[in-house]
């Protein structure tokens, strides 16, 4: 039988709170979550799609906003070559420290990492040929400021590529439709910008980005990834009353999903959107 709540999830880790990693004493949980997600084949396809959307990167300067442990930045650094430069930024000092540690262990690459707030970057106007941001805008409490900065630091004619989930696209094969809809909406609303994906085109059209393309990517969620994504948020919402279920009802909702996983029948997915365009 699949085990129930892990010790980490019981402590209330919520994937909607990546902006507060440094205020948590469990930053290792967030790092582990990122490692698990980045190992999924669909995430590799998203990384490749983002890089391809930036065009020929040889010799270019690239900014990655929300670089986490640095996986994407290191892949970009391999594409810019010796004449290029990649800067990965994250609001979390713990993430930047981990990214630097991992980058020091491998081959020398033209990549560096810095603690930066995406709402108020310290780089000069037009400092980068290309800028990318993956799954970070959903955590930002001031998207207008963040998007203005993303465009500001990209040179005129430079490329921008952004990927965000739309959390209401979460699908779960569950026998209880009513409660599952409640769980999905609760999960979506646990993110600062749960409808982020669907607003990408409008927001960047309004900011004058040219030649915009939108490409959807659907991630099939293994049960372990699904549970890590959902469990902390639902438990927290149940305790606070934001999800009007008893603890027993929450446990009852998980039970058929545990059984589906044990029987090899579990299915869940979520869809995000990759926006690309020219400054």
C-alpha atoms as a PDB file:
ATOM      1  CA  UNK A   1       0.000   0.000   0.000  1.00  0.00           C
ATOM      2  CA  UNK A   2       1.270   3.481  -0.855  1.00  0.00           C
ATOM      3  CA  UNK A   3       2.301   5.398   2.218  1.00  0.00           C
ATOM      4  CA  UNK A   4       0.349   8.437   3.354  1.00  0.00           C
ATOM      5  CA  UNK A   5       1.717  11.845   4.301  1.00  0.00           C
ATOM      6  CA  UNK A   6       5.479  12.164   4.416  1.00  0.00           C
ATOM      7  CA  UNK A   7       7.148  13.963   7.288  1.00  0.00           C
ATOM      8  CA  UNK A   8       8.057  16.836   4.979  1.00  0.00           C
ATOM      9  CA  UNK A   9       4.520  17.271   3.689  1.00  0.00           C
ATOM     10  CA  UNK A  10       3.121  16.970   7.179  1.00  0.00           C
ATOM     11  CA  UNK A  11       5.259  19.975   8.083  1.00  0.00           C
ATOM     12  CA  UNK A  12       3.289  21.945   5.510  1.00  0.00           C
ATOM     13  CA  UNK A  13       5.661  22.469   2.560  1.00  0.00           C
ATOM     14  CA  UNK A  14       3.664  24.185  -0.157  1.00  0.00           C
ATOM     15  CA  UNK A  15       4.978  24.399  -3.718  1.00  0.00           C
ATOM     16  CA  UNK A  16       3.171  27.722  -4.031  1.00  0.00           C
ATOM     17  CA  UNK A  17       5.679  29.234  -1.594  1.00  0.00           C
ATOM     18  CA  UNK A  18       8.942  29.046  -3.548  1.00  0.00           C
ATOM     19  CA  UNK A  19       9.400  32.773  -2.984  1.00  0.00           C
ATOM     20  CA  UNK A  20       9.769  32.046   0.744  1.00  0.00           C
ATOM     21  CA  UNK A  21      12.406  29.314   0.537  1.00  0.00           C
ATOM     22  CA  UNK A  22      14.928  31.257   2.617  1.00  0.00           C
ATOM     23  CA  UNK A  23      12.400  31.826   5.402  1.00  0.00           C
ATOM     24  CA  UNK A  24      11.869  28.063   5.682  1.00  0.00           C
ATOM     25  CA  UNK A  25      14.086  25.718   7.663  1.00  0.00           C
ATOM     26  CA  UNK A  26      13.417  23.074   5.017  1.00  0.00           C
ATOM     27  CA  UNK A  27      15.046  24.573   1.920  1.00  0.00           C
ATOM     28  CA  UNK A  28      16.311  21.060   1.190  1.00  0.00           C
ATOM     29  CA  UNK A  29      12.695  20.036   0.542  1.00  0.00           C
ATOM     30  CA  UNK A  30      12.324  22.662  -2.187  1.00  0.00           C
ATOM     31  CA  UNK A  31      15.672  21.706  -3.730  1.00  0.00           C
ATOM     32  CA  UNK A  32      14.660  18.043  -3.747  1.00  0.00           C
ATOM     33  CA  UNK A  33      11.317  18.937  -5.329  1.00  0.00           C
ATOM     34  CA  UNK A  34      13.072  20.835  -8.120  1.00  0.00           C
ATOM     35  CA  UNK A  35      15.422  17.925  -8.751  1.00  0.00           C
ATOM     36  CA  UNK A  36      12.492  15.527  -9.018  1.00  0.00           C
ATOM     37  CA  UNK A  37      10.616  17.800 -11.429  1.00  0.00           C
ATOM     38  CA  UNK A  38      13.647  18.537 -13.610  1.00  0.00           C
ATOM     39  CA  UNK A  39      14.261  14.807 -14.045  1.00  0.00           C
ATOM     40  CA  UNK A  40      10.872  14.329 -15.740  1.00  0.00           C
ATOM     41  CA  UNK A  41      11.130  13.888 -19.531  1.00  0.00           C
ATOM     42  CA  UNK A  42       8.491  16.577 -20.096  1.00  0.00           C
ATOM     43  CA  UNK A  43      10.621  19.089 -18.221  1.00  0.00           C
ATOM     44  CA  UNK A  44      13.543  18.326 -20.495  1.00  0.00           C
ATOM     45  CA  UNK A  45      11.284  19.062 -23.475  1.00  0.00           C
ATOM     46  CA  UNK A  46      10.275  22.382 -21.887  1.00  0.00           C
ATOM     47  CA  UNK A  47      13.933  23.336 -21.297  1.00  0.00           C
ATOM     48  CA  UNK A  48      14.782  22.479 -24.887  1.00  0.00           C
ATOM     49  CA  UNK A  49      11.793  24.467 -26.128  1.00  0.00           C
ATOM     50  CA  UNK A  50      12.822  27.528 -24.142  1.00  0.00           C
ATOM     51  CA  UNK A  51      16.401  27.368 -25.394  1.00  0.00           C
ATOM     52  CA  UNK A  52      15.294  26.909 -29.015  1.00  0.00           C
ATOM     53  CA  UNK A  53      12.948  29.886 -28.691  1.00  0.00           C
ATOM     54  CA  UNK A  54      15.909  32.122 -27.849  1.00  0.00           C
ATOM     55  CA  UNK A  55      17.490  31.506 -31.264  1.00  0.00           C
ATOM     56  CA  UNK A  56      21.174  30.995 -31.989  1.00  0.00           C
ATOM     57  CA  UNK A  57      22.904  31.510 -28.646  1.00  0.00           C
ATOM     58  CA  UNK A  58      26.521  31.124 -29.706  1.00  0.00           C
ATOM     59  CA  UNK A  59      28.465  34.024 -28.207  1.00  0.00           C
ATOM     60  CA  UNK A  60      25.344  35.568 -26.691  1.00  0.00           C
ATOM     61  CA  UNK A  61      24.633  36.921 -23.220  1.00  0.00           C
ATOM     62  CA  UNK A  62      21.649  35.209 -21.584  1.00  0.00           C
ATOM     63  CA  UNK A  63      19.776  35.926 -18.363  1.00  0.00           C
ATOM     64  CA  UNK A  64      17.767  33.225 -16.646  1.00  0.00           C
ATOM     65  CA  UNK A  65      15.376  34.554 -14.011  1.00  0.00           C
ATOM     66  CA  UNK A  66      14.451  32.040 -11.315  1.00  0.00           C
ATOM     67  CA  UNK A  67      17.392  29.719 -11.937  1.00  0.00           C
ATOM     68  CA  UNK A  68      16.916  27.546  -8.844  1.00  0.00           C
ATOM     69  CA  UNK A  69      19.650  24.932  -8.639  1.00  0.00           C
ATOM     70  CA  UNK A  70      21.062  25.985 -12.017  1.00  0.00           C
ATOM     71  CA  UNK A  71      20.168  23.048 -14.281  1.00  0.00           C
ATOM     72  CA  UNK A  72      18.728  25.228 -17.051  1.00  0.00           C
ATOM     73  CA  UNK A  73      21.477  27.843 -16.761  1.00  0.00           C
ATOM     74  CA  UNK A  74      24.188  25.213 -17.181  1.00  0.00           C
ATOM     75  CA  UNK A  75      22.477  23.829 -20.283  1.00  0.00           C
ATOM     76  CA  UNK A  76      22.256  27.345 -21.713  1.00  0.00           C
ATOM     77  CA  UNK A  77      25.929  27.930 -20.894  1.00  0.00           C
ATOM     78  CA  UNK A  78      26.854  24.938 -23.021  1.00  0.00           C
ATOM     79  CA  UNK A  79      25.035  26.609 -25.932  1.00  0.00           C
ATOM     80  CA  UNK A  80      26.562  30.096 -25.664  1.00  0.00           C
ATOM     81  CA  UNK A  81      30.116  28.763 -25.909  1.00  0.00           C
ATOM     82  CA  UNK A  82      33.294  30.392 -24.709  1.00  0.00           C
ATOM     83  CA  UNK A  83      32.355  33.758 -26.176  1.00  0.00           C
ATOM     84  CA  UNK A  84      29.018  33.894 -24.400  1.00  0.00           C
ATOM     85  CA  UNK A  85      27.794  34.441 -20.884  1.00  0.00           C
ATOM     86  CA  UNK A  86      24.885  33.111 -18.826  1.00  0.00           C
ATOM     87  CA  UNK A  87      23.693  34.697 -15.609  1.00  0.00           C
ATOM     88  CA  UNK A  88      21.245  32.774 -13.461  1.00  0.00           C
ATOM     89  CA  UNK A  89      19.335  34.660 -10.793  1.00  0.00           C
ATOM     90  CA  UNK A  90      17.085  33.609  -7.950  1.00  0.00           C
ATOM     91  CA  UNK A  91      15.497  35.418  -5.025  1.00  0.00           C
ATOM     92  CA  UNK A  92      16.633  32.570  -2.756  1.00  0.00           C
ATOM     93  CA  UNK A  93      20.187  32.690  -1.415  1.00  0.00           C
ATOM     94  CA  UNK A  94      19.919  28.966  -0.628  1.00  0.00           C
ATOM     95  CA  UNK A  95      19.128  28.178  -4.267  1.00  0.00           C
ATOM     96  CA  UNK A  96      21.969  30.372  -5.539  1.00  0.00           C
ATOM     97  CA  UNK A  97      24.404  28.726  -3.139  1.00  0.00           C
ATOM     98  CA  UNK A  98      23.323  25.280  -4.345  1.00  0.00           C
ATOM     99  CA  UNK A  99      23.579  26.339  -7.997  1.00  0.00           C
ATOM    100  CA  UNK A 100      27.121  27.610  -7.445  1.00  0.00           C
ATOM    101  CA  UNK A 101      28.100  24.434  -5.603  1.00  0.00           C
ATOM    102  CA  UNK A 102      26.835  22.197  -8.398  1.00  0.00           C
ATOM    103  CA  UNK A 103      28.383  24.331 -11.121  1.00  0.00           C
ATOM    104  CA  UNK A 104      31.801  24.156  -9.459  1.00  0.00           C
ATOM    105  CA  UNK A 105      31.753  20.350  -9.621  1.00  0.00           C
ATOM    106  CA  UNK A 106      31.567  19.911 -13.384  1.00  0.00           C
ATOM    107  CA  UNK A 107      33.234  21.216 -16.492  1.00  0.00           C
ATOM    108  CA  UNK A 108      34.039  24.911 -16.568  1.00  0.00           C
ATOM    109  CA  UNK A 109      31.146  26.793 -18.156  1.00  0.00           C
ATOM    110  CA  UNK A 110      30.516  30.522 -18.746  1.00  0.00           C
ATOM    111  CA  UNK A 111      27.812  30.688 -16.075  1.00  0.00           C
ATOM    112  CA  UNK A 112      27.420  32.691 -12.891  1.00  0.00           C
ATOM    113  CA  UNK A 113      24.674  33.035 -10.308  1.00  0.00           C
ATOM    114  CA  UNK A 114      23.388  35.961  -8.281  1.00  0.00           C
ATOM    115  CA  UNK A 115      20.675  36.679  -5.746  1.00  0.00           C
ATOM    116  CA  UNK A 116      18.241  39.028  -7.487  1.00  0.00           C
ATOM    117  CA  UNK A 117      14.634  40.107  -7.088  1.00  0.00           C
ATOM    118  CA  UNK A 118      12.901  39.825 -10.461  1.00  0.00           C
ATOM    119  CA  UNK A 119      10.837  42.923  -9.613  1.00  0.00           C
ATOM    120  CA  UNK A 120      13.965  45.081  -9.291  1.00  0.00           C
ATOM    121  CA  UNK A 121      16.940  43.667 -11.175  1.00  0.00           C
ATOM    122  CA  UNK A 122      20.325  45.343 -10.786  1.00  0.00           C
ATOM    123  CA  UNK A 123      21.384  44.906 -14.446  1.00  0.00           C
ATOM    124  CA  UNK A 124      21.637  47.760 -16.923  1.00  0.00           C
ATOM    125  CA  UNK A 125      19.050  48.393 -19.614  1.00  0.00           C
ATOM    126  CA  UNK A 126      19.542  46.049 -22.557  1.00  0.00           C
ATOM    127  CA  UNK A 127      22.296  44.114 -20.799  1.00  0.00           C
ATOM    128  CA  UNK A 128      21.303  40.746 -22.318  1.00  0.00           C
ATOM    129  CA  UNK A 129      20.738  39.371 -25.805  1.00  0.00           C
ATOM    130  CA  UNK A 130      18.149  36.927 -24.477  1.00  0.00           C
ATOM    131  CA  UNK A 131      16.153  36.486 -21.282  1.00  0.00           C
ATOM    132  CA  UNK A 132      14.205  33.499 -20.050  1.00  0.00           C
ATOM    133  CA  UNK A 133      12.033  32.711 -17.036  1.00  0.00           C
ATOM    134  CA  UNK A 134      10.553  29.303 -16.252  1.00  0.00           C
ATOM    135  CA  UNK A 135       7.940  28.662 -13.559  1.00  0.00           C
ATOM    136  CA  UNK A 136       8.925  31.722 -11.526  1.00  0.00           C
ATOM    137  CA  UNK A 137       6.385  34.427 -12.423  1.00  0.00           C
ATOM    138  CA  UNK A 138       3.653  32.352 -10.778  1.00  0.00           C
ATOM    139  CA  UNK A 139       5.251  33.114  -7.400  1.00  0.00           C
ATOM    140  CA  UNK A 140       5.680  36.873  -7.924  1.00  0.00           C
ATOM    141  CA  UNK A 141       3.472  39.324  -6.051  1.00  0.00           C
ATOM    142  CA  UNK A 142       3.987  42.138  -8.594  1.00  0.00           C
ATOM    143  CA  UNK A 143       3.857  40.815 -12.147  1.00  0.00           C
ATOM    144  CA  UNK A 144       3.732  44.277 -13.688  1.00  0.00           C
ATOM    145  CA  UNK A 145       7.069  45.182 -12.130  1.00  0.00           C
ATOM    146  CA  UNK A 146       8.597  41.798 -12.953  1.00  0.00           C
ATOM    147  CA  UNK A 147       7.538  41.844 -16.595  1.00  0.00           C
ATOM    148  CA  UNK A 148       8.737  45.420 -17.022  1.00  0.00           C
ATOM    149  CA  UNK A 149      12.141  44.368 -15.689  1.00  0.00           C
ATOM    150  CA  UNK A 150      12.274  41.304 -17.937  1.00  0.00           C
ATOM    151  CA  UNK A 151      11.847  43.525 -20.983  1.00  0.00           C
ATOM    152  CA  UNK A 152      14.086  46.322 -19.677  1.00  0.00           C
ATOM    153  CA  UNK A 153      17.200  44.164 -19.318  1.00  0.00           C
ATOM    154  CA  UNK A 154      16.750  42.595 -22.779  1.00  0.00           C
ATOM    155  CA  UNK A 155      18.277  44.575 -25.638  1.00  0.00           C
ATOM    156  CA  UNK A 156      16.037  45.846 -28.452  1.00  0.00           C
ATOM    157  CA  UNK A 157      15.692  42.988 -30.921  1.00  0.00           C
ATOM    158  CA  UNK A 158      16.676  40.462 -28.280  1.00  0.00           C
ATOM    159  CA  UNK A 159      14.677  37.328 -27.535  1.00  0.00           C
ATOM    160  CA  UNK A 160      12.444  36.568 -24.569  1.00  0.00           C
ATOM    161  CA  UNK A 161      11.059  33.142 -23.642  1.00  0.00           C
ATOM    162  CA  UNK A 162       8.802  32.445 -20.670  1.00  0.00           C
ATOM    163  CA  UNK A 163       7.125  29.253 -19.453  1.00  0.00           C
ATOM    164  CA  UNK A 164       4.336  29.189 -16.893  1.00  0.00           C
ATOM    165  CA  UNK A 165       1.735  26.689 -15.793  1.00  0.00           C
ATOM    166  CA  UNK A 166      -1.959  27.388 -15.717  1.00  0.00           C
ATOM    167  CA  UNK A 167      -2.887  25.536 -12.540  1.00  0.00           C
ATOM    168  CA  UNK A 168      -6.572  25.170 -13.347  1.00  0.00           C
ATOM    169  CA  UNK A 169      -5.526  22.833 -16.180  1.00  0.00           C
ATOM    170  CA  UNK A 170      -4.661  20.192 -13.577  1.00  0.00           C
ATOM    171  CA  UNK A 171      -6.502  16.976 -14.424  1.00  0.00           C
ATOM    172  CA  UNK A 172      -6.904  14.059 -12.040  1.00  0.00           C
ATOM    173  CA  UNK A 173      -8.624  10.745 -12.679  1.00  0.00           C
ATOM    174  CA  UNK A 174     -10.700  10.434  -9.488  1.00  0.00           C
ATOM    175  CA  UNK A 175     -14.157   8.954  -8.798  1.00  0.00           C
ATOM    176  CA  UNK A 176     -15.357  12.015  -6.855  1.00  0.00           C
ATOM    177  CA  UNK A 177     -15.753  14.825  -9.391  1.00  0.00           C
ATOM    178  CA  UNK A 178     -17.159  17.388  -6.968  1.00  0.00           C
ATOM    179  CA  UNK A 179     -14.390  17.154  -4.392  1.00  0.00           C
ATOM    180  CA  UNK A 180     -11.725  16.842  -7.070  1.00  0.00           C
ATOM    181  CA  UNK A 181     -12.860  20.113  -8.625  1.00  0.00           C
ATOM    182  CA  UNK A 182     -12.633  21.687  -5.165  1.00  0.00           C
ATOM    183  CA  UNK A 183      -9.122  20.277  -4.693  1.00  0.00           C
ATOM    184  CA  UNK A 184      -7.947  21.545  -8.094  1.00  0.00           C
ATOM    185  CA  UNK A 185      -9.288  25.049  -7.475  1.00  0.00           C
ATOM    186  CA  UNK A 186      -7.745  25.068  -4.008  1.00  0.00           C
ATOM    187  CA  UNK A 187      -4.375  24.060  -5.474  1.00  0.00           C
ATOM    188  CA  UNK A 188      -4.635  26.712  -8.193  1.00  0.00           C
ATOM    189  CA  UNK A 189      -5.577  29.442  -5.741  1.00  0.00           C
ATOM    190  CA  UNK A 190      -2.648  28.490  -3.513  1.00  0.00           C
ATOM    191  CA  UNK A 191      -0.362  30.132  -6.069  1.00  0.00           C
ATOM    192  CA  UNK A 192      -0.102  33.902  -6.292  1.00  0.00           C
ATOM    193  CA  UNK A 193      -0.781  33.745 -10.028  1.00  0.00           C
ATOM    194  CA  UNK A 194      -2.605  30.481 -10.613  1.00  0.00           C
ATOM    195  CA  UNK A 195      -3.936  31.548 -14.018  1.00  0.00           C
ATOM    196  CA  UNK A 196      -0.525  32.727 -15.130  1.00  0.00           C
ATOM    197  CA  UNK A 197      -0.311  30.590 -18.246  1.00  0.00           C
ATOM    198  CA  UNK A 198      -3.498  31.816 -19.858  1.00  0.00           C
ATOM    199  CA  UNK A 199      -2.553  35.479 -19.399  1.00  0.00           C
ATOM    200  CA  UNK A 200       0.905  35.297 -20.983  1.00  0.00           C
ATOM    201  CA  UNK A 201      -0.050  36.322 -24.520  1.00  0.00           C
ATOM    202  CA  UNK A 202      -2.204  39.247 -23.407  1.00  0.00           C
ATOM    203  CA  UNK A 203       0.318  40.594 -20.927  1.00  0.00           C
ATOM    204  CA  UNK A 204       3.251  40.578 -23.334  1.00  0.00           C
ATOM    205  CA  UNK A 205       1.206  41.861 -26.263  1.00  0.00           C
ATOM    206  CA  UNK A 206       0.306  44.839 -24.086  1.00  0.00           C
ATOM    207  CA  UNK A 207       4.032  45.392 -23.470  1.00  0.00           C
ATOM    208  CA  UNK A 208       4.903  45.436 -27.162  1.00  0.00           C
ATOM    209  CA  UNK A 209       6.675  42.089 -27.525  1.00  0.00           C
ATOM    210  CA  UNK A 210       6.829  41.271 -31.255  1.00  0.00           C
ATOM    211  CA  UNK A 211       6.232  38.012 -33.121  1.00  0.00           C
ATOM    212  CA  UNK A 212       4.696  36.268 -30.125  1.00  0.00           C
ATOM    213  CA  UNK A 213       4.256  32.517 -30.267  1.00  0.00           C
ATOM    214  CA  UNK A 214       2.531  30.332 -27.661  1.00  0.00           C
ATOM    215  CA  UNK A 215       3.306  26.621 -27.371  1.00  0.00           C
ATOM    216  CA  UNK A 216       1.472  24.361 -24.891  1.00  0.00           C
ATOM    217  CA  UNK A 217       3.281  21.621 -22.979  1.00  0.00           C
ATOM    218  CA  UNK A 218       1.406  18.992 -20.975  1.00  0.00           C
ATOM    219  CA  UNK A 219       3.258  17.221 -18.172  1.00  0.00           C
ATOM    220  CA  UNK A 220       2.026  13.818 -17.114  1.00  0.00           C
ATOM    221  CA  UNK A 221       2.524  13.751 -13.359  1.00  0.00           C
ATOM    222  CA  UNK A 222       3.835  10.581 -11.702  1.00  0.00           C
ATOM    223  CA  UNK A 223       2.083   9.957  -8.408  1.00  0.00           C
ATOM    224  CA  UNK A 224       5.099  10.962  -6.322  1.00  0.00           C
ATOM    225  CA  UNK A 225       5.324  14.299  -8.149  1.00  0.00           C
ATOM    226  CA  UNK A 226       1.570  14.829  -7.901  1.00  0.00           C
ATOM    227  CA  UNK A 227       1.592  14.113  -4.188  1.00  0.00           C
ATOM    228  CA  UNK A 228       4.521  16.407  -3.497  1.00  0.00           C
ATOM    229  CA  UNK A 229       2.805  19.141  -5.505  1.00  0.00           C
ATOM    230  CA  UNK A 230      -0.629  18.838  -3.885  1.00  0.00           C
ATOM    231  CA  UNK A 231      -0.259  17.480  -0.388  1.00  0.00           C
ATOM    232  CA  UNK A 232       1.218  20.433   1.467  1.00  0.00           C
ATOM    233  CA  UNK A 233      -1.207  22.923  -0.092  1.00  0.00           C
ATOM    234  CA  UNK A 234      -4.316  20.816   0.586  1.00  0.00           C
ATOM    235  CA  UNK A 235      -3.273  19.995   4.142  1.00  0.00           C
ATOM    236  CA  UNK A 236      -2.548  23.637   4.873  1.00  0.00           C
ATOM    237  CA  UNK A 237      -5.865  24.742   3.336  1.00  0.00           C
ATOM    238  CA  UNK A 238      -7.811  22.112   5.260  1.00  0.00           C
ATOM    239  CA  UNK A 239      -6.290  23.205   8.553  1.00  0.00           C
ATOM    240  CA  UNK A 240      -6.940  26.896   7.855  1.00  0.00           C
ATOM    241  CA  UNK A 241     -10.475  26.372   6.606  1.00  0.00           C
ATOM    242  CA  UNK A 242      -9.697  27.574   3.070  1.00  0.00           C
ATOM    243  CA  UNK A 243     -10.671  24.058   1.980  1.00  0.00           C
ATOM    244  CA  UNK A 244     -13.963  23.251   3.737  1.00  0.00           C
ATOM    245  CA  UNK A 245     -13.186  19.590   4.368  1.00  0.00           C
ATOM    246  CA  UNK A 246     -12.537  17.697   7.541  1.00  0.00           C
ATOM    247  CA  UNK A 247      -9.225  15.901   7.978  1.00  0.00           C
ATOM    248  CA  UNK A 248     -11.123  12.669   7.421  1.00  0.00           C
ATOM    249  CA  UNK A 249     -12.596  13.896   4.146  1.00  0.00           C
ATOM    250  CA  UNK A 250      -9.126  14.885   2.933  1.00  0.00           C
ATOM    251  CA  UNK A 251      -7.818  11.428   3.807  1.00  0.00           C
ATOM    252  CA  UNK A 252     -10.817   9.884   2.010  1.00  0.00           C
ATOM    253  CA  UNK A 253     -10.011  11.916  -1.108  1.00  0.00           C
ATOM    254  CA  UNK A 254      -6.441  10.616  -1.171  1.00  0.00           C
ATOM    255  CA  UNK A 255      -7.456   6.979  -0.643  1.00  0.00           C
ATOM    256  CA  UNK A 256      -8.626   6.116  -4.207  1.00  0.00           C
ATOM    257  CA  UNK A 257      -5.545   7.829  -5.612  1.00  0.00           C
ATOM    258  CA  UNK A 258      -3.289   5.698  -3.408  1.00  0.00           C
ATOM    259  CA  UNK A 259      -5.194   2.633  -4.598  1.00  0.00           C
ATOM    260  CA  UNK A 260      -4.933   3.708  -8.247  1.00  0.00           C
ATOM    261  CA  UNK A 261      -1.168   4.096  -7.861  1.00  0.00           C
ATOM    262  CA  UNK A 262      -0.868   0.679  -6.240  1.00  0.00           C
ATOM    263  CA  UNK A 263      -2.793  -0.793  -9.167  1.00  0.00           C
ATOM    264  CA  UNK A 264      -0.829   1.074 -11.837  1.00  0.00           C
ATOM    265  CA  UNK A 265      -3.890   3.115 -12.850  1.00  0.00           C
ATOM    266  CA  UNK A 266      -3.066   6.586 -11.519  1.00  0.00           C
ATOM    267  CA  UNK A 267      -3.305   9.492 -13.955  1.00  0.00           C
ATOM    268  CA  UNK A 268      -2.819  13.228 -13.531  1.00  0.00           C
ATOM    269  CA  UNK A 269      -1.471  15.952 -15.801  1.00  0.00           C
ATOM    270  CA  UNK A 270      -0.967  19.696 -15.931  1.00  0.00           C
ATOM    271  CA  UNK A 271      -0.477  22.057 -18.854  1.00  0.00           C
ATOM    272  CA  UNK A 272       1.718  25.100 -19.197  1.00  0.00           C
ATOM    273  CA  UNK A 273       2.461  27.552 -22.000  1.00  0.00           C
ATOM    274  CA  UNK A 274       5.727  28.705 -23.523  1.00  0.00           C
ATOM    275  CA  UNK A 275       5.643  32.271 -24.786  1.00  0.00           C
ATOM    276  CA  UNK A 276       8.406  33.540 -27.044  1.00  0.00           C
ATOM    277  CA  UNK A 277       8.944  36.807 -28.875  1.00  0.00           C
ATOM    278  CA  UNK A 278      11.329  39.619 -29.751  1.00  0.00           C
ATOM    279  CA  UNK A 279      11.915  42.745 -27.701  1.00  0.00           C
END
